[in-house]
Amino acid sequence: MRKPLDIRNQLDIFNHGPLGLAQLAAKHREAAEHALRSVDQGHFTARERHDFHAGEAERLERLAATAAPQT
């Protein structure tokens, strides 16, 4: 049985350069802050949603740092 494709790591090199990754990370930071202000919805709690978005923001920031041109 094949493993399902993890599309989180499938970034478009033209749209997800260092600047694009930093912007995407900022959006995840905003979503994390919003999750803490909102009530629990559905299966995930507000804390779980916050932790997910904060983790994604950190992952994207690391990717942006490694994708930045070295001077």
PDB file of N, CA and C in Angstrom:
ATOM      1  N   MET A   1       0.841  -1.187   0.000  1.00  0.00           N
ATOM      2  CA  MET A   1       0.000   0.000   0.000  1.00  0.00           C
ATOM      3  C   MET A   1       0.882   1.246   0.000  1.00  0.00           C
ATOM      4  N   ARG A   2       0.572   2.182  -0.877  1.00  0.00           N
ATOM      5  CA  ARG A   2       1.345   3.414  -0.989  1.00  0.00           C
ATOM      6  C   ARG A   2       1.017   4.378   0.132  1.00  0.00           C
ATOM      7  N   LYS A   3       2.036   5.112   0.566  1.00  0.00           N
ATOM      8  CA  LYS A   3       1.813   6.160   1.556  1.00  0.00           C
ATOM      9  C   LYS A   3       1.131   7.338   0.882  1.00  0.00           C
ATOM     10  N   PRO A   4       0.228   8.012   1.574  1.00  0.00           N
ATOM     11  CA  PRO A   4      -0.388   9.200   0.984  1.00  0.00           C
ATOM     12  C   PRO A   4       0.661  10.305   0.820  1.00  0.00           C
ATOM     13  N   LEU A   5       0.492  11.107  -0.199  1.00  0.00           N
ATOM     14  CA  LEU A   5       1.414  12.195  -0.490  1.00  0.00           C
ATOM     15  C   LEU A   5       1.263  13.295   0.552  1.00  0.00           C
ATOM     16  N   ASP A   6       2.374  13.704   1.141  1.00  0.00           N
ATOM     17  CA  ASP A   6       2.362  14.806   2.098  1.00  0.00           C
ATOM     18  C   ASP A   6       2.579  16.097   1.321  1.00  0.00           C
ATOM     19  N   ILE A   7       1.505  16.829   1.034  1.00  0.00           N
ATOM     20  CA  ILE A   7       1.615  18.016   0.184  1.00  0.00           C
ATOM     21  C   ILE A   7       2.162  19.226   0.920  1.00  0.00           C
ATOM     22  N   ARG A   8       2.345  19.143   2.242  1.00  0.00           N
ATOM     23  CA  ARG A   8       2.902  20.289   2.954  1.00  0.00           C
ATOM     24  C   ARG A   8       4.300  20.623   2.461  1.00  0.00           C
ATOM     25  N   ASN A   9       5.034  19.630   2.009  1.00  0.00           N
ATOM     26  CA  ASN A   9       6.399  19.851   1.561  1.00  0.00           C
ATOM     27  C   ASN A   9       6.490  20.127   0.069  1.00  0.00           C
ATOM     28  N   GLN A  10       5.366  20.187  -0.612  1.00  0.00           N
ATOM     29  CA  GLN A  10       5.345  20.423  -2.046  1.00  0.00           C
ATOM     30  C   GLN A  10       5.121  21.906  -2.314  1.00  0.00           C
ATOM     31  N   LEU A  11       6.169  22.706  -2.151  1.00  0.00           N
ATOM     32  CA  LEU A  11       6.058  24.141  -2.362  1.00  0.00           C
ATOM     33  C   LEU A  11       6.485  24.489  -3.782  1.00  0.00           C
ATOM     34  N   ASP A  12       5.821  25.447  -4.370  1.00  0.00           N
ATOM     35  CA  ASP A  12       6.130  25.920  -5.711  1.00  0.00           C
ATOM     36  C   ASP A  12       7.354  26.835  -5.627  1.00  0.00           C
ATOM     37  N   ILE A  13       8.421  26.507  -6.348  1.00  0.00           N
ATOM     38  CA  ILE A  13       9.649  27.287  -6.234  1.00  0.00           C
ATOM     39  C   ILE A  13       9.489  28.711  -6.759  1.00  0.00           C
ATOM     40  N   PHE A  14       8.506  28.956  -7.601  1.00  0.00           N
ATOM     41  CA  PHE A  14       8.303  30.298  -8.129  1.00  0.00           C
ATOM     42  C   PHE A  14       7.469  31.157  -7.181  1.00  0.00           C
ATOM     43  N   ASN A  15       6.572  30.545  -6.434  1.00  0.00           N
ATOM     44  CA  ASN A  15       5.714  31.293  -5.519  1.00  0.00           C
ATOM     45  C   ASN A  15       6.194  31.238  -4.072  1.00  0.00           C
ATOM     46  N   HIS A  16       7.105  30.345  -3.767  1.00  0.00           N
ATOM     47  CA  HIS A  16       7.513  30.148  -2.378  1.00  0.00           C
ATOM     48  C   HIS A  16       9.013  30.322  -2.207  1.00  0.00           C
ATOM     49  N   GLY A  17       9.509  31.470  -2.645  1.00  0.00           N
ATOM     50  CA  GLY A  17      10.895  31.829  -2.385  1.00  0.00           C
ATOM     51  C   GLY A  17      10.992  32.310  -0.944  1.00  0.00           C
ATOM     52  N   PRO A  18      12.134  32.847  -0.546  1.00  0.00           N
ATOM     53  CA  PRO A  18      12.296  33.305   0.844  1.00  0.00           C
ATOM     54  C   PRO A  18      11.242  34.324   1.264  1.00  0.00           C
ATOM     55  N   LEU A  19      10.921  35.263   0.379  1.00  0.00           N
ATOM     56  CA  LEU A  19       9.920  36.278   0.716  1.00  0.00           C
ATOM     57  C   LEU A  19       8.530  35.663   0.821  1.00  0.00           C
ATOM     58  N   GLY A  20       8.176  34.802  -0.123  1.00  0.00           N
ATOM     59  CA  GLY A  20       6.868  34.152  -0.093  1.00  0.00           C
ATOM     60  C   GLY A  20       6.700  33.261   1.122  1.00  0.00           C
ATOM     61  N   LEU A  21       7.771  32.552   1.506  1.00  0.00           N
ATOM     62  CA  LEU A  21       7.704  31.691   2.691  1.00  0.00           C
ATOM     63  C   LEU A  21       7.542  32.525   3.955  1.00  0.00           C
ATOM     64  N   ALA A  22       8.225  33.662   4.006  1.00  0.00           N
ATOM     65  CA  ALA A  22       8.099  34.537   5.169  1.00  0.00           C
ATOM     66  C   ALA A  22       6.680  35.087   5.274  1.00  0.00           C
ATOM     67  N   GLN A  23       6.080  35.428   4.135  1.00  0.00           N
ATOM     68  CA  GLN A  23       4.700  35.924   4.146  1.00  0.00           C
ATOM     69  C   GLN A  23       3.743  34.821   4.578  1.00  0.00           C
ATOM     70  N   LEU A  24       3.975  33.605   4.104  1.00  0.00           N
ATOM     71  CA  LEU A  24       3.134  32.477   4.485  1.00  0.00           C
ATOM     72  C   LEU A  24       3.277  32.193   5.982  1.00  0.00           C
ATOM     73  N   ALA A  25       4.490  32.308   6.502  1.00  0.00           N
ATOM     74  CA  ALA A  25       4.721  32.121   7.938  1.00  0.00           C
ATOM     75  C   ALA A  25       3.980  33.185   8.743  1.00  0.00           C
ATOM     76  N   ALA A  26       3.982  34.422   8.249  1.00  0.00           N
ATOM     77  CA  ALA A  26       3.272  35.506   8.944  1.00  0.00           C
ATOM     78  C   ALA A  26       1.773  35.222   8.984  1.00  0.00           C
ATOM     79  N   LYS A  27       1.232  34.677   7.893  1.00  0.00           N
ATOM     80  CA  LYS A  27      -0.201  34.331   7.870  1.00  0.00           C
ATOM     81  C   LYS A  27      -0.499  33.241   8.903  1.00  0.00           C
ATOM     82  N   HIS A  28       0.403  32.281   9.041  1.00  0.00           N
ATOM     83  CA  HIS A  28       0.200  31.229  10.043  1.00  0.00           C
ATOM     84  C   HIS A  28       0.299  31.807  11.457  1.00  0.00           C
ATOM     85  N   ARG A  29       1.179  32.782  11.668  1.00  0.00           N
ATOM     86  CA  ARG A  29       1.263  33.436  12.982  1.00  0.00           C
ATOM     87  C   ARG A  29      -0.058  34.152  13.296  1.00  0.00           C
ATOM     88  N   GLU A  30      -0.621  34.830  12.299  1.00  0.00           N
ATOM     89  CA  GLU A  30      -1.917  35.498  12.494  1.00  0.00           C
ATOM     90  C   GLU A  30      -3.004  34.477  12.820  1.00  0.00           C
ATOM     91  N   ALA A  31      -3.000  33.367  12.111  1.00  0.00           N
ATOM     92  CA  ALA A  31      -4.003  32.322  12.355  1.00  0.00           C
ATOM     93  C   ALA A  31      -3.836  31.736  13.744  1.00  0.00           C
ATOM     94  N   ALA A  32      -2.593  31.613  14.213  1.00  0.00           N
ATOM     95  CA  ALA A  32      -2.345  31.083  15.555  1.00  0.00           C
ATOM     96  C   ALA A  32      -2.909  32.025  16.614  1.00  0.00           C
ATOM     97  N   GLU A  33      -2.684  33.328  16.432  1.00  0.00           N
ATOM     98  CA  GLU A  33      -3.220  34.301  17.386  1.00  0.00           C
ATOM     99  C   GLU A  33      -4.748  34.312  17.356  1.00  0.00           C
ATOM    100  N   HIS A  34      -5.315  34.216  16.169  1.00  0.00           N
ATOM    101  CA  HIS A  34      -6.769  34.189  16.039  1.00  0.00           C
ATOM    102  C   HIS A  34      -7.348  32.936  16.707  1.00  0.00           C
ATOM    103  N   ALA A  35      -6.646  31.818  16.596  1.00  0.00           N
ATOM    104  CA  ALA A  35      -7.132  30.569  17.200  1.00  0.00           C
ATOM    105  C   ALA A  35      -7.250  30.700  18.712  1.00  0.00           C
ATOM    106  N   LEU A  36      -6.324  31.435  19.324  1.00  0.00           N
ATOM    107  CA  LEU A  36      -6.400  31.599  20.785  1.00  0.00           C
ATOM    108  C   LEU A  36      -7.584  32.460  21.200  1.00  0.00           C
ATOM    109  N   ARG A  37      -7.981  33.407  20.338  1.00  0.00           N
ATOM    110  CA  ARG A  37      -9.113  34.286  20.671  1.00  0.00           C
ATOM    111  C   ARG A  37     -10.465  33.651  20.369  1.00  0.00           C
ATOM    112  N   SER A  38     -10.465  32.595  19.559  1.00  0.00           N
ATOM    113  CA  SER A  38     -11.736  31.985  19.177  1.00  0.00           C
ATOM    114  C   SER A  38     -12.080  30.831  20.116  1.00  0.00           C
ATOM    115  N   VAL A  39     -13.293  30.384  20.008  1.00  0.00           N
ATOM    116  CA  VAL A  39     -13.746  29.273  20.852  1.00  0.00           C
ATOM    117  C   VAL A  39     -13.389  27.945  20.178  1.00  0.00           C
ATOM    118  N   ASP A  40     -13.483  26.879  20.963  1.00  0.00           N
ATOM    119  CA  ASP A  40     -13.233  25.551  20.404  1.00  0.00           C
ATOM    120  C   ASP A  40     -14.267  25.247  19.332  1.00  0.00           C
ATOM    121  N   GLN A  41     -13.801  24.702  18.223  1.00  0.00           N
ATOM    122  CA  GLN A  41     -14.694  24.386  17.109  1.00  0.00           C
ATOM    123  C   GLN A  41     -14.428  22.966  16.654  1.00  0.00           C
ATOM    124  N   GLY A  42     -15.471  22.198  16.517  1.00  0.00           N
ATOM    125  CA  GLY A  42     -15.343  20.868  15.944  1.00  0.00           C
ATOM    126  C   GLY A  42     -14.443  19.949  16.739  1.00  0.00           C
ATOM    127  N   HIS A  43     -13.584  19.256  16.029  1.00  0.00           N
ATOM    128  CA  HIS A  43     -12.755  18.227  16.639  1.00  0.00           C
ATOM    129  C   HIS A  43     -11.564  18.802  17.401  1.00  0.00           C
ATOM    130  N   PHE A  44     -11.020  19.937  16.966  1.00  0.00           N
ATOM    131  CA  PHE A  44      -9.804  20.483  17.572  1.00  0.00           C
ATOM    132  C   PHE A  44     -10.129  21.628  18.524  1.00  0.00           C
ATOM    133  N   THR A  45      -9.362  21.709  19.598  1.00  0.00           N
ATOM    134  CA  THR A  45      -9.517  22.817  20.538  1.00  0.00           C
ATOM    135  C   THR A  45      -8.764  24.031  20.002  1.00  0.00           C
ATOM    136  N   ALA A  46      -9.039  25.177  20.606  1.00  0.00           N
ATOM    137  CA  ALA A  46      -8.357  26.401  20.199  1.00  0.00           C
ATOM    138  C   ALA A  46      -6.852  26.264  20.410  1.00  0.00           C
ATOM    139  N   ARG A  47      -6.436  25.633  21.488  1.00  0.00           N
ATOM    140  CA  ARG A  47      -5.008  25.444  21.776  1.00  0.00           C
ATOM    141  C   ARG A  47      -4.354  24.541  20.719  1.00  0.00           C
ATOM    142  N   GLU A  48      -5.054  23.489  20.317  1.00  0.00           N
ATOM    143  CA  GLU A  48      -4.510  22.590  19.298  1.00  0.00           C
ATOM    144  C   GLU A  48      -4.349  23.318  17.959  1.00  0.00           C
ATOM    145  N   ARG A  49      -5.341  24.137  17.602  1.00  0.00           N
ATOM    146  CA  ARG A  49      -5.231  24.907  16.360  1.00  0.00           C
ATOM    147  C   ARG A  49      -4.073  25.913  16.448  1.00  0.00           C
ATOM    148  N   HIS A  50      -3.942  26.563  17.610  1.00  0.00           N
ATOM    149  CA  HIS A  50      -2.838  27.505  17.809  1.00  0.00           C
ATOM    150  C   HIS A  50      -1.498  26.788  17.664  1.00  0.00           C
ATOM    151  N   ASP A  51      -1.345  25.650  18.307  1.00  0.00           N
ATOM    152  CA  ASP A  51      -0.086  24.909  18.253  1.00  0.00           C
ATOM    153  C   ASP A  51       0.243  24.468  16.830  1.00  0.00           C
ATOM    154  N   PHE A  52      -0.772  24.059  16.068  1.00  0.00           N
ATOM    155  CA  PHE A  52      -0.549  23.654  14.685  1.00  0.00           C
ATOM    156  C   PHE A  52      -0.037  24.825  13.860  1.00  0.00           C
ATOM    157  N   HIS A  53      -0.741  25.964  13.932  1.00  0.00           N
ATOM    158  CA  HIS A  53      -0.358  27.121  13.122  1.00  0.00           C
ATOM    159  C   HIS A  53       0.993  27.692  13.559  1.00  0.00           C
ATOM    160  N   ALA A  54       1.267  27.693  14.856  1.00  0.00           N
ATOM    161  CA  ALA A  54       2.566  28.179  15.330  1.00  0.00           C
ATOM    162  C   ALA A  54       3.684  27.248  14.844  1.00  0.00           C
ATOM    163  N   GLY A  55       3.440  25.957  14.851  1.00  0.00           N
ATOM    164  CA  GLY A  55       4.425  25.003  14.355  1.00  0.00           C
ATOM    165  C   GLY A  55       4.679  25.159  12.865  1.00  0.00           C
ATOM    166  N   GLU A  56       3.619  25.385  12.108  1.00  0.00           N
ATOM    167  CA  GLU A  56       3.773  25.612  10.669  1.00  0.00           C
ATOM    168  C   GLU A  56       4.547  26.898  10.409  1.00  0.00           C
ATOM    169  N   ALA A  57       4.281  27.940  11.189  1.00  0.00           N
ATOM    170  CA  ALA A  57       4.998  29.205  11.018  1.00  0.00           C
ATOM    171  C   ALA A  57       6.488  29.002  11.281  1.00  0.00           C
ATOM    172  N   GLU A  58       6.835  28.265  12.315  1.00  0.00           N
ATOM    173  CA  GLU A  58       8.244  28.001  12.615  1.00  0.00           C
ATOM    174  C   GLU A  58       8.888  27.185  11.502  1.00  0.00           C
ATOM    175  N   ARG A  59       8.175  26.198  10.991  1.00  0.00           N
ATOM    176  CA  ARG A  59       8.706  25.364   9.905  1.00  0.00           C
ATOM    177  C   ARG A  59       8.961  26.217   8.661  1.00  0.00           C
ATOM    178  N   LEU A  60       8.012  27.086   8.321  1.00  0.00           N
ATOM    179  CA  LEU A  60       8.159  27.933   7.141  1.00  0.00           C
ATOM    180  C   LEU A  60       9.266  28.969   7.324  1.00  0.00           C
ATOM    181  N   GLU A  61       9.430  29.471   8.536  1.00  0.00           N
ATOM    182  CA  GLU A  61      10.513  30.422   8.801  1.00  0.00           C
ATOM    183  C   GLU A  61      11.873  29.745   8.642  1.00  0.00           C
ATOM    184  N   ARG A  62      11.983  28.493   9.084  1.00  0.00           N
ATOM    185  CA  ARG A  62      13.235  27.750   8.887  1.00  0.00           C
ATOM    186  C   ARG A  62      13.498  27.537   7.397  1.00  0.00           C
ATOM    187  N   LEU A  63      12.446  27.185   6.650  1.00  0.00           N
ATOM    188  CA  LEU A  63      12.608  27.013   5.205  1.00  0.00           C
ATOM    189  C   LEU A  63      13.030  28.316   4.528  1.00  0.00           C
ATOM    190  N   ALA A  64      12.430  29.425   4.950  1.00  0.00           N
ATOM    191  CA  ALA A  64      12.780  30.725   4.371  1.00  0.00           C
ATOM    192  C   ALA A  64      14.234  31.067   4.661  1.00  0.00           C
ATOM    193  N   ALA A  65      14.694  30.738   5.860  1.00  0.00           N
ATOM    194  CA  ALA A  65      16.092  31.032   6.215  1.00  0.00           C
ATOM    195  C   ALA A  65      17.053  30.202   5.379  1.00  0.00           C
ATOM    196  N   THR A  66      16.712  28.968   5.090  1.00  0.00           N
ATOM    197  CA  THR A  66      17.607  28.132   4.298  1.00  0.00           C
ATOM    198  C   THR A  66      17.509  28.477   2.810  1.00  0.00           C
ATOM    199  N   ALA A  67      16.393  29.047   2.381  1.00  0.00           N
ATOM    200  CA  ALA A  67      16.214  29.397   0.967  1.00  0.00           C
ATOM    201  C   ALA A  67      16.781  30.775   0.653  1.00  0.00           C
ATOM    202  N   ALA A  68      17.084  31.563   1.677  1.00  0.00           N
ATOM    203  CA  ALA A  68      17.608  32.913   1.448  1.00  0.00           C
ATOM    204  C   ALA A  68      19.007  32.825   0.848  1.00  0.00           C
ATOM    205  N   PRO A  69      19.307  33.715  -0.086  1.00  0.00           N
ATOM    206  CA  PRO A  69      20.640  33.691  -0.700  1.00  0.00           C
ATOM    207  C   PRO A  69      21.715  34.014   0.350  1.00  0.00           C
ATOM    208  N   GLN A  70      22.793  33.274   0.313  1.00  0.00           N
ATOM    209  CA  GLN A  70      23.912  33.491   1.239  1.00  0.00           C
ATOM    210  C   GLN A  70      24.807  34.588   0.695  1.00  0.00           C
ATOM    211  N   THR A  71      25.138  35.563   1.534  1.00  0.00           N
ATOM    212  CA  THR A  71      26.006  36.664   1.077  1.00  0.00           C
ATOM    213  C   THR A  71      27.360  36.576   1.724  1.00  0.00           C
TER     214      THR A  71
END
